[in-house]
Amino acid sequence: MFGITRWVCIGCWVTLTVNGFVQPQSRVETVELKKQPALPDLYEASVLELQEGLDAGLFTSVDLIKAYFARIDEVNLKGPELRAVIETNPSALAQAAALDYERKTSGKRSLMHGIPILLKDNIATVAEEGMNTTAGSFSLLSSVVPDDAGVVKRLRKAGAIILGKANLSEFAHFRGNLASGWSGRGGQCTAAYFPGSDPCGSSSGSGVAASIGLAAVTLGSETDGSITCPSSQNNLAGIKPTVGLTSRAGVIPISQNQDTVGPIVRSISDAAIVLSVIAGKDPNDNFTLAQPNVVPNYIKALKKDALVGKRIGVPRKVFLDVPDIIDETVAAAFETALTTIKELGATVVDPADLPSAEEILTSNNETIVLDVDFKVQLNEWYESLLENPSGVRSLADLIAFNDANPELEEPTNFTDQSELIESEATTGFNATYFQALAFDHDLGRTRGIDATLQEFNLDALLLPAPGLTTVPAAIAGYPIVTVPLGFYPDNTTTQSAGPLTVYPAPGVPFGLSFLGTAFSEFDLIGFAFAYEQKTQTRLARKAFPAAIPSTQLADVIGK
């Protein structure tokens, strides 16, 4: 990255030989040739590259904030209308200046020191900083949260800078049958690999922003698919952690049993760096108290030989052999990935089916659990607010607010509130709820992922990210690590994914997912890293040119 410096003698007397004859000594006047250090390309820049540049004094964190702000402005103001970022942090430049000074005077706190990060807009930041926390809903605009989210506290302690808030599917896609990426506040977010393509999942803005370098790092949250799918459809690496590895305190909830917060970034290395910062116990989230006492240094998992001697299982039943679950393009790329996994030293056990697979396909227990959890926890969220100008204080109030403000929350094609209404109709934590929760754990854990790992003596499971891949891990509360797998060919026929979006489409990405048991992130990160480094799939295709902002560090340094 930093080039090579070459020194040439200046004003020296040298003896020259021409055509074999020695010539009289001549004084040679030359110049010093020096290769200038290269600034990282923000489209692809990694956390480590940014840290190297910051340490070397090539640029500052203030420069980084200015550059990312300009890139966001390019996309938001000049088009195309990706609508990935809802708002930026008015305090970010001041925070960056303070962290630059700290770097000079006492050194950096961590690998995230001075690194800008975008948060999904369901992750709370204190109002004094100047940003909202709304889950994309006007019902929460200008509301005042009591504290930063637990993961935000960890990021600030590590020296990260909150750059802004990313768009999302409103209320983490638990409002109704609406297109992925739409929220009242943010409008329809679209992905950058084909005009109007579906960004997928509720962490849509985080995925799109990471895909074209609108921030160094983004955070998302997953209940069922909302880190995995945006990572898949935006050519990214993502980690959906075990429920309870990262704190959900201060995150607008769907379900305490399935919600989890994790990184959506451009490389497994960046994902490991971020997870090492945000993982850990939090007294404000009692699920985190069940995790192991020591958080691994996930950076140590980054080994190219991590798959050597490992056993990787392929659960085909339901997940690969049911018609229309996986199309031919994804299926063919997956078969190629299996060959690569073998070349990397792993034994592929195929098939290695989940005993509960067919029951998972037909079960409605997840819906029962989520409906109850959402009503109880969202009511608690509204009640916890120090202020809320909309006057909404409950789920029932939210439904009424949306109906009373159709121009904000129910525009044409985006009127559905069916999941809110269904959730409001539940009666709370009763026998039906606890029975459904126990059955989910049985399907996902006991007769699901754990049963398969044990029966076939496996280290992990492997599936394409699209389809039903996320469901067993969602109901089990288990981790998924996703990396790029491939792209649809240029002759792909576009299909509607919503009133304003399409998927698949020519050139759009899809991913590969490694699944494991509780708190197996270290191993999964290693496997994903080995595959990523072997294939370098992300680098095979960029976003469509109009979606790529042009601003680079060179445009802001010294200005």
Protein backbone atom coordinates (compact mmCIF):
# COMPACT_ATOMS: atom_id res chain seq x y z
CA MET A 1 0.00 0.00 0.00
CA PHE A 2 2.68 2.46 0.98
CA GLY A 3 4.98 1.96 -2.02
CA ILE A 4 8.76 1.72 -2.25
CA THR A 5 11.22 4.59 -1.89
CA ARG A 6 14.18 4.51 -4.30
CA TRP A 7 17.32 6.65 -3.79
CA VAL A 8 19.54 7.66 -6.76
CA CYS A 9 22.98 9.24 -6.39
CA ILE A 10 22.87 13.00 -6.94
CA GLY A 11 25.95 14.79 -8.29
CA CYS A 12 28.24 11.74 -8.11
CA TRP A 13 31.35 11.11 -10.29
CA VAL A 14 30.95 7.79 -12.08
CA THR A 15 32.91 5.75 -14.62
CA LEU A 16 30.87 4.88 -17.71
CA THR A 17 31.50 2.02 -20.07
CA VAL A 18 30.14 2.40 -23.61
CA ASN A 19 30.45 -0.41 -26.17
CA GLY A 20 33.16 -1.97 -24.05
CA PHE A 21 35.36 1.17 -23.88
CA VAL A 22 35.94 2.97 -20.61
CA GLN A 23 34.96 6.65 -20.86
CA PRO A 24 36.31 9.59 -18.85
CA GLN A 25 34.60 10.10 -15.53
CA SER A 26 31.46 12.18 -15.78
CA ARG A 27 29.47 14.03 -13.17
CA VAL A 28 25.91 12.70 -13.21
CA GLU A 29 23.17 15.04 -12.02
CA THR A 30 20.12 13.00 -11.13
CA VAL A 31 17.03 13.45 -9.04
CA GLU A 32 15.73 11.49 -6.15
CA LEU A 33 12.98 9.16 -7.30
CA LYS A 34 10.40 8.44 -4.67
CA LYS A 35 7.14 6.56 -5.07
CA GLN A 36 4.40 8.39 -3.22
CA PRO A 37 2.32 6.37 -0.77
CA ALA A 38 -1.06 5.39 -2.21
CA LEU A 39 -4.27 6.38 -0.49
CA PRO A 40 -6.76 3.54 -0.04
CA ASP A 41 -9.73 3.36 -2.40
CA LEU A 42 -12.79 3.94 -0.20
CA TYR A 43 -14.90 1.63 -2.35
CA GLU A 44 -12.96 -1.32 -0.99
CA ALA A 45 -10.78 0.02 1.86
CA SER A 46 -10.46 -2.32 4.82
CA VAL A 47 -10.23 -1.38 8.48
CA LEU A 48 -6.56 -2.44 8.51
CA GLU A 49 -5.75 -0.33 5.44
CA LEU A 50 -7.43 2.68 7.01
CA GLN A 51 -5.54 2.13 10.27
CA GLU A 52 -2.24 1.92 8.39
CA GLY A 53 -2.98 5.21 6.65
CA LEU A 54 -4.03 6.89 9.88
CA ASP A 55 -0.94 5.63 11.73
CA ALA A 56 1.31 6.79 8.91
CA GLY A 57 -0.24 10.24 8.92
CA LEU A 58 -1.40 10.01 5.31
CA PHE A 59 -4.83 11.23 6.42
CA THR A 60 -6.84 11.79 9.58
CA SER A 61 -10.14 10.57 10.90
CA VAL A 62 -11.49 14.05 10.15
CA ASP A 63 -10.51 13.45 6.53
CA LEU A 64 -12.27 10.10 6.62
CA ILE A 65 -15.50 11.62 7.93
CA LYS A 66 -15.40 14.36 5.29
CA ALA A 67 -14.83 11.83 2.53
CA TYR A 68 -17.60 9.49 3.66
CA PHE A 69 -20.01 12.41 4.13
CA ALA A 70 -19.24 13.52 0.58
CA ARG A 71 -19.78 10.00 -0.76
CA ILE A 72 -23.13 9.78 1.02
CA ASP A 73 -24.12 13.17 -0.39
CA GLU A 74 -23.20 12.04 -3.88
CA VAL A 75 -25.53 9.07 -3.64
CA ASN A 76 -28.33 10.83 -1.76
CA LEU A 77 -28.35 14.13 -3.64
CA LYS A 78 -27.13 13.32 -7.13
CA GLY A 79 -28.57 9.85 -7.52
CA PRO A 80 -29.26 7.15 -8.22
CA GLU A 81 -31.70 7.13 -5.31
CA LEU A 82 -30.33 4.19 -3.35
CA ARG A 83 -31.69 5.68 -0.10
CA ALA A 84 -29.17 3.73 1.97
CA VAL A 85 -28.47 6.38 4.63
CA ILE A 86 -31.26 8.15 6.52
CA GLU A 87 -29.12 10.71 8.34
CA THR A 88 -25.55 11.57 9.24
CA ASN A 89 -24.09 12.46 12.63
CA PRO A 90 -23.62 16.22 13.15
CA SER A 91 -21.15 15.43 15.96
CA ALA A 92 -18.95 13.12 13.87
CA LEU A 93 -16.35 15.69 12.83
CA ALA A 94 -15.81 16.87 16.41
CA GLN A 95 -15.50 13.28 17.60
CA ALA A 96 -13.02 12.56 14.81
CA ALA A 97 -10.88 15.56 15.75
CA ALA A 98 -10.76 14.43 19.37
CA LEU A 99 -9.78 10.91 18.35
CA ASP A 100 -7.09 12.23 15.98
CA TYR A 101 -5.59 14.19 18.89
CA GLU A 102 -5.75 11.12 21.11
CA ARG A 103 -4.00 9.03 18.47
CA LYS A 104 -1.13 11.55 18.37
CA THR A 105 -0.81 11.99 22.13
CA SER A 106 -1.50 8.58 23.62
CA GLY A 107 -1.99 6.15 20.74
CA LYS A 108 -5.02 4.31 19.44
CA ARG A 109 -7.45 2.38 21.61
CA SER A 110 -8.11 -0.48 19.20
CA LEU A 111 -8.23 -1.35 15.52
CA MET A 112 -11.53 0.55 15.39
CA HIS A 113 -9.98 3.80 16.67
CA GLY A 114 -11.09 6.66 14.43
CA ILE A 115 -12.99 4.35 12.07
CA PRO A 116 -16.43 5.56 10.89
CA ILE A 117 -19.37 3.17 11.25
CA LEU A 118 -23.00 3.35 10.11
CA LEU A 119 -25.68 1.93 12.36
CA LYS A 120 -28.98 0.42 11.31
CA ASP A 121 -31.65 2.88 12.43
CA ASN A 122 -33.00 0.57 15.13
CA ILE A 123 -29.75 0.88 17.16
CA ALA A 124 -30.05 3.67 19.71
CA THR A 125 -27.76 6.66 20.07
CA VAL A 126 -28.31 9.39 22.64
CA ALA A 127 -30.28 12.37 21.33
CA GLU A 128 -27.60 14.84 22.47
CA GLU A 129 -25.41 13.59 19.64
CA GLY A 130 -27.94 14.90 17.15
CA MET A 131 -29.37 11.74 15.57
CA ASN A 132 -32.68 9.91 15.70
CA THR A 133 -33.44 6.27 16.46
CA THR A 134 -36.67 5.43 14.66
CA ALA A 135 -36.67 1.98 13.01
CA GLY A 136 -37.67 3.99 9.94
CA SER A 137 -40.97 5.12 11.48
CA PHE A 138 -42.23 8.69 11.79
CA SER A 139 -43.86 7.57 15.04
CA LEU A 140 -40.38 7.70 16.62
CA LEU A 141 -39.01 10.83 14.94
CA SER A 142 -37.37 13.13 17.53
CA SER A 143 -38.00 10.61 20.29
CA VAL A 144 -35.45 10.60 23.12
CA VAL A 145 -33.91 7.31 24.16
CA PRO A 146 -32.55 6.89 27.70
CA ASP A 147 -29.10 5.66 26.65
CA ASP A 148 -26.82 4.42 23.89
CA ALA A 149 -27.32 0.83 22.78
CA GLY A 150 -24.97 -1.68 24.40
CA VAL A 151 -23.06 -2.27 21.16
CA VAL A 152 -22.69 1.49 20.65
CA LYS A 153 -21.10 1.84 24.07
CA ARG A 154 -18.56 -0.81 23.12
CA LEU A 155 -17.84 0.86 19.78
CA ARG A 156 -17.32 4.26 21.41
CA LYS A 157 -15.02 2.72 24.02
CA ALA A 158 -12.96 1.21 21.17
CA GLY A 159 -12.69 4.64 19.53
CA ALA A 160 -15.11 4.12 16.64
CA ILE A 161 -17.02 7.11 15.25
CA ILE A 162 -20.75 6.83 14.62
CA LEU A 163 -21.10 8.20 11.09
CA GLY A 164 -24.88 8.06 10.83
CA LYS A 165 -27.95 5.86 10.56
CA ALA A 166 -28.76 3.48 7.73
CA ASN A 167 -32.18 2.91 6.22
CA LEU A 168 -33.98 -0.36 6.94
CA SER A 169 -37.17 -2.21 6.32
CA GLU A 170 -39.48 -0.44 8.74
CA PHE A 171 -39.52 -1.99 12.21
CA ALA A 172 -36.96 -4.52 10.97
CA HIS A 173 -39.45 -5.86 8.40
CA PHE A 174 -42.09 -6.66 11.01
CA ARG A 175 -44.78 -4.24 9.90
CA GLY A 176 -46.46 -6.15 7.11
CA ASN A 177 -45.97 -7.67 3.68
CA LEU A 178 -43.92 -4.76 2.37
CA ALA A 179 -40.92 -4.74 0.06
CA SER A 180 -37.49 -5.19 1.61
CA GLY A 181 -35.74 -1.89 2.21
CA TRP A 182 -38.79 0.37 2.55
CA SER A 183 -39.45 2.62 5.51
CA GLY A 184 -41.65 5.66 5.97
CA ARG A 185 -38.69 7.88 6.85
CA GLY A 186 -36.21 6.49 4.37
CA GLY A 187 -38.33 5.50 1.40
CA GLN A 188 -37.38 2.56 -0.81
CA CYS A 189 -33.74 1.55 -0.47
CA THR A 190 -32.36 -0.24 -3.52
CA ALA A 191 -29.14 -2.17 -4.07
CA ALA A 192 -26.23 -0.99 -6.20
CA TYR A 193 -25.54 -3.94 -8.52
CA PHE A 194 -28.53 -3.34 -10.80
CA PRO A 195 -30.85 -0.31 -10.94
CA GLY A 196 -33.78 -0.86 -8.58
CA SER A 197 -32.55 -4.24 -7.32
CA ASP A 198 -33.83 -5.60 -4.01
CA PRO A 199 -31.38 -4.94 -1.14
CA CYS A 200 -32.99 -7.72 0.95
CA GLY A 201 -33.63 -8.17 4.65
CA SER A 202 -34.32 -5.42 7.12
CA SER A 203 -30.66 -4.30 7.35
CA SER A 204 -30.94 -3.14 3.76
CA GLY A 205 -29.36 0.30 4.11
CA SER A 206 -26.42 -1.16 6.01
CA GLY A 207 -25.81 -3.64 3.21
CA VAL A 208 -26.07 -1.13 0.37
CA ALA A 209 -23.89 1.41 2.20
CA ALA A 210 -21.16 -1.15 2.85
CA SER A 211 -21.28 -2.44 -0.74
CA ILE A 212 -20.14 0.87 -2.29
CA GLY A 213 -18.04 2.31 0.53
CA LEU A 214 -20.35 4.83 2.17
CA ALA A 215 -18.74 3.83 5.47
CA ALA A 216 -15.82 1.71 6.56
CA VAL A 217 -18.12 -0.54 8.60
CA THR A 218 -21.84 -1.03 9.09
CA LEU A 219 -23.92 -2.78 11.72
CA GLY A 220 -27.16 -4.64 11.15
CA SER A 221 -29.48 -6.81 13.17
CA GLU A 222 -31.08 -10.15 12.37
CA THR A 223 -34.20 -11.86 13.61
CA ASP A 224 -34.46 -14.19 10.63
CA GLY A 225 -32.32 -13.30 7.61
CA SER A 226 -31.70 -9.59 8.06
CA ILE A 227 -27.90 -9.74 8.20
CA THR A 228 -27.50 -12.85 6.07
CA CYS A 229 -29.69 -11.70 3.17
CA PRO A 230 -28.37 -8.13 2.79
CA SER A 231 -24.85 -9.54 2.90
CA SER A 232 -25.79 -12.07 0.22
CA GLN A 233 -27.52 -9.66 -2.15
CA ASN A 234 -24.94 -6.87 -1.77
CA ASN A 235 -21.75 -8.94 -2.32
CA LEU A 236 -20.63 -8.66 1.32
CA ALA A 237 -19.42 -10.52 4.36
CA GLY A 238 -21.77 -10.65 7.32
CA ILE A 239 -21.94 -12.28 10.72
CA LYS A 240 -25.23 -13.12 12.37
CA PRO A 241 -23.99 -13.91 15.91
CA THR A 242 -25.42 -16.37 18.38
CA VAL A 243 -28.30 -14.75 20.26
CA GLY A 244 -26.67 -13.41 23.41
CA LEU A 245 -23.15 -12.90 22.04
CA THR A 246 -23.85 -9.23 21.28
CA SER A 247 -26.10 -7.02 23.36
CA ARG A 248 -29.59 -6.05 22.19
CA ALA A 249 -30.02 -3.45 24.93
CA GLY A 250 -31.03 -0.22 23.23
CA VAL A 251 -32.05 -1.92 19.98
CA ILE A 252 -35.67 -1.49 18.88
CA PRO A 253 -36.83 -5.09 19.20
CA ILE A 254 -38.73 -7.80 17.46
CA SER A 255 -37.87 -10.77 19.67
CA GLN A 256 -35.58 -11.32 22.65
CA ASN A 257 -35.35 -14.95 21.53
CA GLN A 258 -34.10 -14.30 18.01
CA ASP A 259 -32.72 -10.73 17.68
CA THR A 260 -28.96 -10.35 17.36
CA VAL A 261 -26.62 -7.54 16.22
CA GLY A 262 -23.68 -8.08 13.89
CA PRO A 263 -21.36 -6.58 11.25
CA ILE A 264 -22.09 -6.19 7.54
CA VAL A 265 -18.80 -5.36 5.82
CA ARG A 266 -16.69 -6.02 2.74
CA SER A 267 -14.43 -8.74 4.14
CA ILE A 268 -14.36 -11.44 6.78
CA SER A 269 -11.30 -9.71 8.28
CA ASP A 270 -13.31 -6.55 8.93
CA ALA A 271 -16.18 -8.61 10.30
CA ALA A 272 -13.84 -10.35 12.77
CA ILE A 273 -12.41 -7.01 13.93
CA VAL A 274 -15.87 -5.56 14.56
CA LEU A 275 -17.26 -8.67 16.27
CA SER A 276 -14.27 -8.72 18.63
CA VAL A 277 -15.31 -5.22 19.76
CA ILE A 278 -19.09 -5.59 20.06
CA ALA A 279 -19.27 -9.09 21.58
CA GLY A 280 -19.47 -9.50 25.34
CA LYS A 281 -21.71 -9.51 28.36
CA ASP A 282 -24.06 -6.64 29.14
CA PRO A 283 -26.02 -6.44 32.41
CA ASN A 284 -28.77 -4.68 30.44
CA ASP A 285 -29.33 -7.80 28.30
CA ASN A 286 -29.56 -10.91 30.42
CA PHE A 287 -29.25 -13.21 27.40
CA THR A 288 -25.61 -12.11 27.11
CA LEU A 289 -24.85 -13.39 30.60
CA ALA A 290 -25.07 -16.98 29.32
CA GLN A 291 -22.16 -16.57 26.88
CA PRO A 292 -18.65 -17.88 27.67
CA ASN A 293 -16.72 -15.70 30.11
CA VAL A 294 -13.99 -14.81 27.62
CA VAL A 295 -14.77 -13.24 24.25
CA PRO A 296 -12.45 -14.80 21.67
CA ASN A 297 -10.15 -12.62 19.62
CA TYR A 298 -11.87 -13.43 16.35
CA ILE A 299 -8.96 -11.96 14.40
CA LYS A 300 -6.98 -15.06 15.33
CA ALA A 301 -9.49 -17.16 13.39
CA LEU A 302 -8.32 -15.61 10.10
CA LYS A 303 -6.30 -18.52 8.74
CA LYS A 304 -6.22 -19.62 5.11
CA ASP A 305 -5.87 -23.25 6.18
CA ALA A 306 -8.82 -23.18 8.56
CA LEU A 307 -10.75 -25.81 6.55
CA VAL A 308 -7.94 -28.37 6.53
CA GLY A 309 -9.14 -31.58 8.19
CA LYS A 310 -12.63 -30.21 8.90
CA ARG A 311 -15.94 -31.92 8.16
CA ILE A 312 -18.56 -29.74 6.48
CA GLY A 313 -22.11 -31.00 6.04
CA VAL A 314 -24.68 -30.22 3.34
CA PRO A 315 -28.29 -30.40 4.57
CA ARG A 316 -30.04 -30.98 1.23
CA LYS A 317 -33.46 -32.10 2.40
CA VAL A 318 -35.87 -29.15 2.09
CA PHE A 319 -33.10 -26.54 1.82
CA LEU A 320 -31.84 -27.65 -1.59
CA ASP A 321 -34.24 -30.23 -2.98
CA VAL A 322 -37.62 -28.49 -2.67
CA PRO A 323 -38.69 -26.92 -6.01
CA ASP A 324 -38.32 -23.13 -6.29
CA ILE A 325 -36.30 -22.80 -3.06
CA ILE A 326 -32.99 -22.44 -4.93
CA ASP A 327 -32.78 -21.59 -8.64
CA GLU A 328 -30.38 -23.16 -11.14
CA THR A 329 -27.86 -20.30 -11.05
CA VAL A 330 -27.43 -20.43 -7.28
CA ALA A 331 -27.47 -24.25 -7.24
CA ALA A 332 -24.69 -24.45 -9.83
CA ALA A 333 -22.54 -21.92 -7.97
CA PHE A 334 -23.07 -23.86 -4.75
CA GLU A 335 -21.86 -27.10 -6.33
CA THR A 336 -18.72 -25.28 -7.45
CA ALA A 337 -18.27 -24.01 -3.90
CA LEU A 338 -18.38 -27.57 -2.59
CA THR A 339 -15.49 -28.44 -4.90
CA THR A 340 -13.56 -25.45 -3.56
CA ILE A 341 -14.25 -26.50 0.04
CA LYS A 342 -12.75 -29.91 -0.74
CA GLU A 343 -9.72 -28.31 -2.40
CA LEU A 344 -9.19 -26.32 0.79
CA GLY A 345 -8.75 -29.56 2.72
CA ALA A 346 -12.21 -30.25 4.13
CA THR A 347 -14.27 -33.41 3.91
CA VAL A 348 -17.73 -32.62 2.55
CA VAL A 349 -20.46 -34.84 3.99
CA ASP A 350 -23.29 -34.71 1.46
CA PRO A 351 -26.07 -35.10 2.33
CA ALA A 352 -26.13 -34.36 6.04
CA ASP A 353 -29.80 -33.65 6.55
CA LEU A 354 -31.56 -32.06 9.51
CA PRO A 355 -33.98 -34.58 11.09
CA SER A 356 -36.43 -31.71 11.60
CA ALA A 357 -36.15 -30.26 8.09
CA GLU A 358 -39.65 -31.08 6.86
CA GLU A 359 -41.23 -29.91 10.12
CA ILE A 360 -39.32 -26.62 9.90
CA LEU A 361 -40.82 -26.09 6.44
CA THR A 362 -44.40 -26.37 7.72
CA SER A 363 -44.11 -25.05 11.29
CA ASN A 364 -45.82 -21.81 12.32
CA ASN A 365 -44.24 -21.66 15.77
CA GLU A 366 -41.77 -18.94 14.84
CA THR A 367 -44.65 -16.60 13.96
CA ILE A 368 -46.36 -17.28 17.30
CA VAL A 369 -43.18 -16.44 19.23
CA LEU A 370 -42.35 -13.32 17.24
CA ASP A 371 -45.88 -11.90 17.42
CA VAL A 372 -45.94 -12.10 21.21
CA ASP A 373 -42.36 -10.92 21.74
CA PHE A 374 -42.86 -7.95 19.43
CA LYS A 375 -45.99 -6.69 21.16
CA VAL A 376 -44.54 -7.00 24.65
CA GLN A 377 -41.11 -5.59 23.82
CA LEU A 378 -42.24 -2.78 21.52
CA ASN A 379 -44.68 -1.56 24.18
CA GLU A 380 -41.76 -1.56 26.61
CA TRP A 381 -39.66 0.41 24.12
CA TYR A 382 -42.24 3.16 23.72
CA GLU A 383 -42.76 3.31 27.49
CA SER A 384 -38.98 3.66 28.05
CA LEU A 385 -38.66 6.79 25.92
CA LEU A 386 -37.93 10.00 27.77
CA GLU A 387 -39.85 11.93 25.12
CA ASN A 388 -41.83 11.08 22.00
CA PRO A 389 -43.42 14.02 20.15
CA SER A 390 -45.74 11.78 18.11
CA GLY A 391 -47.56 10.76 21.28
CA VAL A 392 -47.28 7.07 20.37
CA ARG A 393 -46.78 5.01 23.51
CA SER A 394 -47.78 1.51 22.43
CA LEU A 395 -48.22 -0.86 19.49
CA ALA A 396 -51.93 0.00 19.38
CA ASP A 397 -51.02 3.69 19.19
CA LEU A 398 -48.55 2.94 16.38
CA ILE A 399 -51.21 1.27 14.23
CA ALA A 400 -53.53 4.25 14.77
CA PHE A 401 -50.71 6.73 14.02
CA ASN A 402 -49.97 5.09 10.68
CA ASP A 403 -53.64 5.16 9.70
CA ALA A 404 -53.90 8.82 10.71
CA ASN A 405 -50.78 9.78 8.67
CA PRO A 406 -51.12 7.93 5.37
CA GLU A 407 -48.98 10.44 3.47
CA LEU A 408 -46.08 9.53 5.79
CA GLU A 409 -46.65 5.89 6.59
CA GLU A 410 -49.15 4.46 4.10
CA PRO A 411 -48.29 5.74 0.62
CA THR A 412 -49.45 3.82 -2.45
CA ASN A 413 -48.20 0.22 -2.42
CA PHE A 414 -46.93 0.52 1.17
CA THR A 415 -50.07 0.38 3.29
CA ASP A 416 -49.82 -3.06 4.87
CA GLN A 417 -49.75 -3.30 8.68
CA SER A 418 -50.78 -6.95 8.92
CA GLU A 419 -47.92 -8.04 11.19
CA LEU A 420 -48.49 -5.12 13.56
CA ILE A 421 -52.19 -5.94 13.72
CA GLU A 422 -51.56 -9.67 14.19
CA SER A 423 -49.06 -8.94 16.96
CA GLU A 424 -51.43 -6.53 18.72
CA ALA A 425 -54.10 -9.26 18.77
CA THR A 426 -51.93 -11.64 20.83
CA THR A 427 -52.55 -12.16 24.53
CA GLY A 428 -48.98 -12.24 25.78
CA PHE A 429 -46.85 -14.90 27.45
CA ASN A 430 -49.26 -17.83 27.76
CA ALA A 431 -49.02 -21.61 27.43
CA THR A 432 -49.31 -21.46 23.65
CA TYR A 433 -46.36 -19.09 23.45
CA PHE A 434 -44.07 -21.18 25.67
CA GLN A 435 -45.03 -24.36 23.84
CA ALA A 436 -44.18 -22.72 20.50
CA LEU A 437 -40.85 -21.46 21.86
CA ALA A 438 -39.91 -24.90 23.17
CA PHE A 439 -40.86 -26.49 19.85
CA ASP A 440 -38.74 -23.93 17.97
CA HIS A 441 -35.74 -24.87 20.09
CA ASP A 442 -36.43 -28.54 19.48
CA LEU A 443 -36.67 -28.04 15.71
CA GLY A 444 -33.73 -25.68 15.41
CA ARG A 445 -31.38 -27.07 18.04
CA THR A 446 -32.09 -30.56 19.43
CA ARG A 447 -33.45 -32.18 16.24
CA GLY A 448 -31.96 -29.57 13.94
CA ILE A 449 -28.46 -28.13 13.74
CA ASP A 450 -27.07 -29.88 16.84
CA ALA A 451 -28.48 -33.27 15.85
CA THR A 452 -26.90 -33.06 12.40
CA LEU A 453 -23.53 -31.86 13.67
CA GLN A 454 -23.42 -34.71 16.19
CA GLU A 455 -24.73 -37.47 13.90
CA PHE A 456 -22.20 -36.79 11.15
CA ASN A 457 -19.37 -35.52 13.38
CA LEU A 458 -19.39 -32.16 11.60
CA ASP A 459 -17.65 -28.87 12.25
CA ALA A 460 -20.23 -26.78 10.36
CA LEU A 461 -23.05 -26.84 7.85
CA LEU A 462 -22.92 -25.16 4.44
CA LEU A 463 -25.78 -23.78 2.33
CA PRO A 464 -26.41 -21.04 -0.20
CA ALA A 465 -27.55 -17.89 1.57
CA PRO A 466 -30.79 -17.58 -0.44
CA GLY A 467 -33.81 -19.74 0.37
CA LEU A 468 -34.69 -21.14 3.81
CA THR A 469 -31.09 -21.19 5.06
CA THR A 470 -31.65 -18.70 7.87
CA VAL A 471 -34.67 -20.39 9.48
CA PRO A 472 -33.03 -23.20 11.54
CA ALA A 473 -30.43 -20.79 12.93
CA ALA A 474 -33.11 -18.16 13.60
CA ILE A 475 -35.33 -20.38 15.71
CA ALA A 476 -32.31 -21.95 17.39
CA GLY A 477 -30.58 -18.61 18.07
CA TYR A 478 -27.44 -19.95 16.37
CA PRO A 479 -24.80 -18.15 14.23
CA ILE A 480 -24.38 -17.75 10.47
CA VAL A 481 -21.36 -16.35 8.66
CA THR A 482 -21.96 -15.32 5.05
CA VAL A 483 -19.54 -14.55 2.19
CA PRO A 484 -20.00 -13.80 -1.53
CA LEU A 485 -20.71 -16.85 -3.71
CA GLY A 486 -21.52 -15.52 -7.18
CA PHE A 487 -23.50 -13.27 -9.50
CA TYR A 488 -26.44 -13.79 -11.81
CA PRO A 489 -25.44 -13.80 -15.48
CA ASP A 490 -25.96 -10.75 -17.65
CA ASN A 491 -28.78 -12.42 -19.58
CA THR A 492 -30.88 -12.98 -16.44
CA THR A 493 -34.52 -11.98 -16.78
CA THR A 494 -35.51 -9.53 -14.06
CA GLN A 495 -38.30 -10.52 -11.69
CA SER A 496 -40.37 -8.23 -9.50
CA ALA A 497 -39.44 -8.23 -5.80
CA GLY A 498 -41.78 -5.38 -4.84
CA PRO A 499 -43.52 -2.40 -6.38
CA LEU A 500 -40.19 -0.62 -6.92
CA THR A 501 -37.60 -3.43 -6.84
CA VAL A 502 -36.43 -6.46 -8.82
CA TYR A 503 -34.52 -9.65 -7.98
CA PRO A 504 -32.92 -11.59 -9.52
CA ALA A 505 -31.53 -9.34 -12.22
CA PRO A 506 -28.41 -9.20 -14.40
CA GLY A 507 -25.23 -9.10 -12.34
CA VAL A 508 -26.80 -9.09 -8.88
CA PRO A 509 -24.90 -11.04 -6.18
CA PHE A 510 -25.76 -13.96 -3.93
CA GLY A 511 -23.89 -15.49 -1.01
CA LEU A 512 -22.73 -18.63 0.77
CA SER A 513 -23.48 -19.35 4.44
CA PHE A 514 -21.62 -21.33 7.10
CA LEU A 515 -23.84 -22.43 10.02
CA GLY A 516 -22.90 -23.87 13.41
CA THR A 517 -23.95 -24.44 16.98
CA ALA A 518 -24.13 -21.81 19.72
CA PHE A 519 -21.04 -19.61 20.08
CA SER A 520 -19.18 -21.32 17.23
CA GLU A 521 -18.39 -17.99 15.53
CA PHE A 522 -14.61 -18.45 15.82
CA ASP A 523 -14.65 -21.62 13.73
CA LEU A 524 -17.21 -20.29 11.24
CA ILE A 525 -15.16 -17.12 10.70
CA GLY A 526 -12.10 -19.24 9.96
CA PHE A 527 -13.96 -21.39 7.42
CA ALA A 528 -15.49 -18.37 5.71
CA PHE A 529 -12.13 -16.59 5.62
CA ALA A 530 -10.42 -19.57 3.98
CA TYR A 531 -13.13 -19.74 1.31
CA GLU A 532 -13.13 -15.95 0.78
CA GLN A 533 -9.36 -15.79 0.36
CA LYS A 534 -9.35 -18.69 -2.10
CA THR A 535 -12.16 -17.37 -4.30
CA GLN A 536 -11.99 -13.55 -3.95
CA THR A 537 -15.56 -13.51 -5.33
CA ARG A 538 -16.34 -9.98 -4.17
CA LEU A 539 -13.62 -8.55 -6.40
CA ALA A 540 -15.05 -10.21 -9.53
CA ARG A 541 -17.72 -7.57 -10.06
CA LYS A 542 -18.38 -4.00 -8.98
CA ALA A 543 -21.66 -2.15 -8.54
CA PHE A 544 -23.11 -0.45 -11.62
CA PRO A 545 -21.04 2.68 -12.36
CA ALA A 546 -23.69 5.31 -11.62
CA ALA A 547 -24.06 3.93 -8.09
CA ILE A 548 -20.38 4.26 -7.20
CA PRO A 549 -19.49 7.61 -5.58
CA SER A 550 -16.35 9.24 -6.93
CA THR A 551 -15.11 11.13 -3.85
CA GLN A 552 -11.84 9.80 -2.45
CA LEU A 553 -9.53 10.92 0.35
CA ALA A 554 -7.42 12.92 -2.09
CA ASP A 555 -10.44 15.14 -2.71
CA VAL A 556 -10.77 16.22 0.95
CA ILE A 557 -7.29 16.15 2.48
CA GLY A 558 -6.22 19.68 3.31
CA LYS A 559 -9.59 21.14 2.38
